């Protein structure tokens, strides 16, 4: 089992590590990734944008891994719609 690591635009807290707790990226990088369809799922919250990158998800699934994702209801609904299509 593997926990997905979300990308986010918010600033890291003092105990968080990049590429371990989150992938910290700029608003510009996040926007570019959205336009290029690089997210499996993403949301915007008052704290910043959060998203799960397709590349990491596909790589883990290709290896036969089970992925644990921390999603809000909007993210769950988005993934359900994607799986129907």
C-alpha atoms as a PDB file:
ATOM      1  CA  UNK A   1       0.000   0.000   0.000  1.00  0.00           C
ATOM      2  CA  UNK A   2       1.110   3.505  -0.809  1.00  0.00           C
ATOM      3  CA  UNK A   3      -0.265   6.852   0.327  1.00  0.00           C
ATOM      4  CA  UNK A   4      -0.666   9.332  -2.490  1.00  0.00           C
ATOM      5  CA  UNK A   5       1.231  12.576  -2.061  1.00  0.00           C
ATOM      6  CA  UNK A   6      -0.787  15.618  -3.050  1.00  0.00           C
ATOM      7  CA  UNK A   7       0.631  18.649  -4.788  1.00  0.00           C
ATOM      8  CA  UNK A   8      -0.327  21.940  -3.164  1.00  0.00           C
ATOM      9  CA  UNK A   9       0.142  25.663  -3.600  1.00  0.00           C
ATOM     10  CA  UNK A  10       0.083  26.438   0.101  1.00  0.00           C
ATOM     11  CA  UNK A  11       3.255  27.116   2.041  1.00  0.00           C
ATOM     12  CA  UNK A  12       4.897  24.230   3.885  1.00  0.00           C
ATOM     13  CA  UNK A  13       4.451  24.102   7.626  1.00  0.00           C
ATOM     14  CA  UNK A  14       7.623  23.865   9.688  1.00  0.00           C
ATOM     15  CA  UNK A  15       7.450  20.071  10.122  1.00  0.00           C
ATOM     16  CA  UNK A  16       6.519  19.227   6.496  1.00  0.00           C
ATOM     17  CA  UNK A  17       8.950  17.986   3.864  1.00  0.00           C
ATOM     18  CA  UNK A  18       8.636  18.479   0.108  1.00  0.00           C
ATOM     19  CA  UNK A  19       7.964  15.257  -1.840  1.00  0.00           C
ATOM     20  CA  UNK A  20       7.232  13.453   1.404  1.00  0.00           C
ATOM     21  CA  UNK A  21       4.255  15.196   3.020  1.00  0.00           C
ATOM     22  CA  UNK A  22       3.224  17.226  -0.035  1.00  0.00           C
ATOM     23  CA  UNK A  23       4.665  18.354  -3.337  1.00  0.00           C
ATOM     24  CA  UNK A  24       4.866  22.117  -2.857  1.00  0.00           C
ATOM     25  CA  UNK A  25       4.505  24.035  -6.128  1.00  0.00           C
ATOM     26  CA  UNK A  26       3.709  27.595  -7.164  1.00  0.00           C
ATOM     27  CA  UNK A  27       0.309  28.838  -8.326  1.00  0.00           C
ATOM     28  CA  UNK A  28       1.791  29.185 -11.808  1.00  0.00           C
ATOM     29  CA  UNK A  29       3.054  25.575 -11.857  1.00  0.00           C
ATOM     30  CA  UNK A  30      -0.290  24.311 -10.555  1.00  0.00           C
ATOM     31  CA  UNK A  31      -2.222  26.256 -13.191  1.00  0.00           C
ATOM     32  CA  UNK A  32       0.018  24.931 -15.943  1.00  0.00           C
ATOM     33  CA  UNK A  33      -0.459  21.359 -14.671  1.00  0.00           C
ATOM     34  CA  UNK A  34      -4.259  21.840 -14.710  1.00  0.00           C
ATOM     35  CA  UNK A  35      -4.190  23.110 -18.304  1.00  0.00           C
ATOM     36  CA  UNK A  36      -2.014  20.182 -19.369  1.00  0.00           C
ATOM     37  CA  UNK A  37      -4.325  17.630 -17.706  1.00  0.00           C
ATOM     38  CA  UNK A  38      -1.665  16.428 -15.283  1.00  0.00           C
ATOM     39  CA  UNK A  39      -3.987  15.943 -12.298  1.00  0.00           C
ATOM     40  CA  UNK A  40      -5.984  12.836 -11.463  1.00  0.00           C
ATOM     41  CA  UNK A  41      -8.049  15.071  -9.222  1.00  0.00           C
ATOM     42  CA  UNK A  42      -7.681  18.613  -7.868  1.00  0.00           C
ATOM     43  CA  UNK A  43      -9.592  21.102  -5.708  1.00  0.00           C
ATOM     44  CA  UNK A  44      -9.308  24.687  -4.575  1.00  0.00           C
ATOM     45  CA  UNK A  45      -9.766  25.433  -0.887  1.00  0.00           C
ATOM     46  CA  UNK A  46      -9.354  28.588   1.204  1.00  0.00           C
ATOM     47  CA  UNK A  47      -5.822  27.387   2.085  1.00  0.00           C
ATOM     48  CA  UNK A  48      -4.711  26.803  -1.493  1.00  0.00           C
ATOM     49  CA  UNK A  49      -5.019  24.329  -4.341  1.00  0.00           C
ATOM     50  CA  UNK A  50      -4.498  20.607  -3.794  1.00  0.00           C
ATOM     51  CA  UNK A  51      -4.246  17.855  -6.363  1.00  0.00           C
ATOM     52  CA  UNK A  52      -3.126  14.298  -7.006  1.00  0.00           C
ATOM     53  CA  UNK A  53      -0.852  14.005 -10.014  1.00  0.00           C
ATOM     54  CA  UNK A  54      -1.768  11.478 -12.685  1.00  0.00           C
ATOM     55  CA  UNK A  55       1.859  10.452 -13.184  1.00  0.00           C
ATOM     56  CA  UNK A  56       2.325   9.184  -9.638  1.00  0.00           C
ATOM     57  CA  UNK A  57      -1.081   7.494  -9.605  1.00  0.00           C
ATOM     58  CA  UNK A  58      -0.589   5.691 -12.921  1.00  0.00           C
ATOM     59  CA  UNK A  59       2.934   4.575 -11.960  1.00  0.00           C
ATOM     60  CA  UNK A  60       1.748   3.018  -8.701  1.00  0.00           C
ATOM     61  CA  UNK A  61      -1.283   1.346 -10.307  1.00  0.00           C
ATOM     62  CA  UNK A  62       0.927  -0.064 -13.087  1.00  0.00           C
ATOM     63  CA  UNK A  63       3.039  -1.705 -10.375  1.00  0.00           C
ATOM     64  CA  UNK A  64      -0.111  -3.292  -8.913  1.00  0.00           C
ATOM     65  CA  UNK A  65      -0.032  -1.128  -5.793  1.00  0.00           C
ATOM     66  CA  UNK A  66      -3.007  -0.159  -3.689  1.00  0.00           C
ATOM     67  CA  UNK A  67      -3.149   3.617  -3.261  1.00  0.00           C
ATOM     68  CA  UNK A  68      -4.549   5.364  -0.205  1.00  0.00           C
ATOM     69  CA  UNK A  69      -5.883   8.830  -1.048  1.00  0.00           C
ATOM     70  CA  UNK A  70      -7.000  11.569   1.327  1.00  0.00           C
ATOM     71  CA  UNK A  71      -9.952  13.123  -0.525  1.00  0.00           C
ATOM     72  CA  UNK A  72     -12.786  15.462   0.310  1.00  0.00           C
ATOM     73  CA  UNK A  73     -16.306  14.705  -1.023  1.00  0.00           C
ATOM     74  CA  UNK A  74     -15.708  16.867  -4.111  1.00  0.00           C
ATOM     75  CA  UNK A  75     -12.621  14.834  -4.973  1.00  0.00           C
ATOM     76  CA  UNK A  76     -14.473  11.551  -4.494  1.00  0.00           C
ATOM     77  CA  UNK A  77     -17.272  12.691  -6.813  1.00  0.00           C
ATOM     78  CA  UNK A  78     -14.742  13.833  -9.426  1.00  0.00           C
ATOM     79  CA  UNK A  79     -13.026  10.429  -9.391  1.00  0.00           C
ATOM     80  CA  UNK A  80     -16.360   8.600  -9.600  1.00  0.00           C
ATOM     81  CA  UNK A  81     -17.244  10.613 -12.727  1.00  0.00           C
ATOM     82  CA  UNK A  82     -13.839   9.880 -14.263  1.00  0.00           C
ATOM     83  CA  UNK A  83     -14.244   6.141 -13.665  1.00  0.00           C
ATOM     84  CA  UNK A  84     -17.663   6.101 -15.330  1.00  0.00           C
ATOM     85  CA  UNK A  85     -16.198   7.597 -18.520  1.00  0.00           C
END
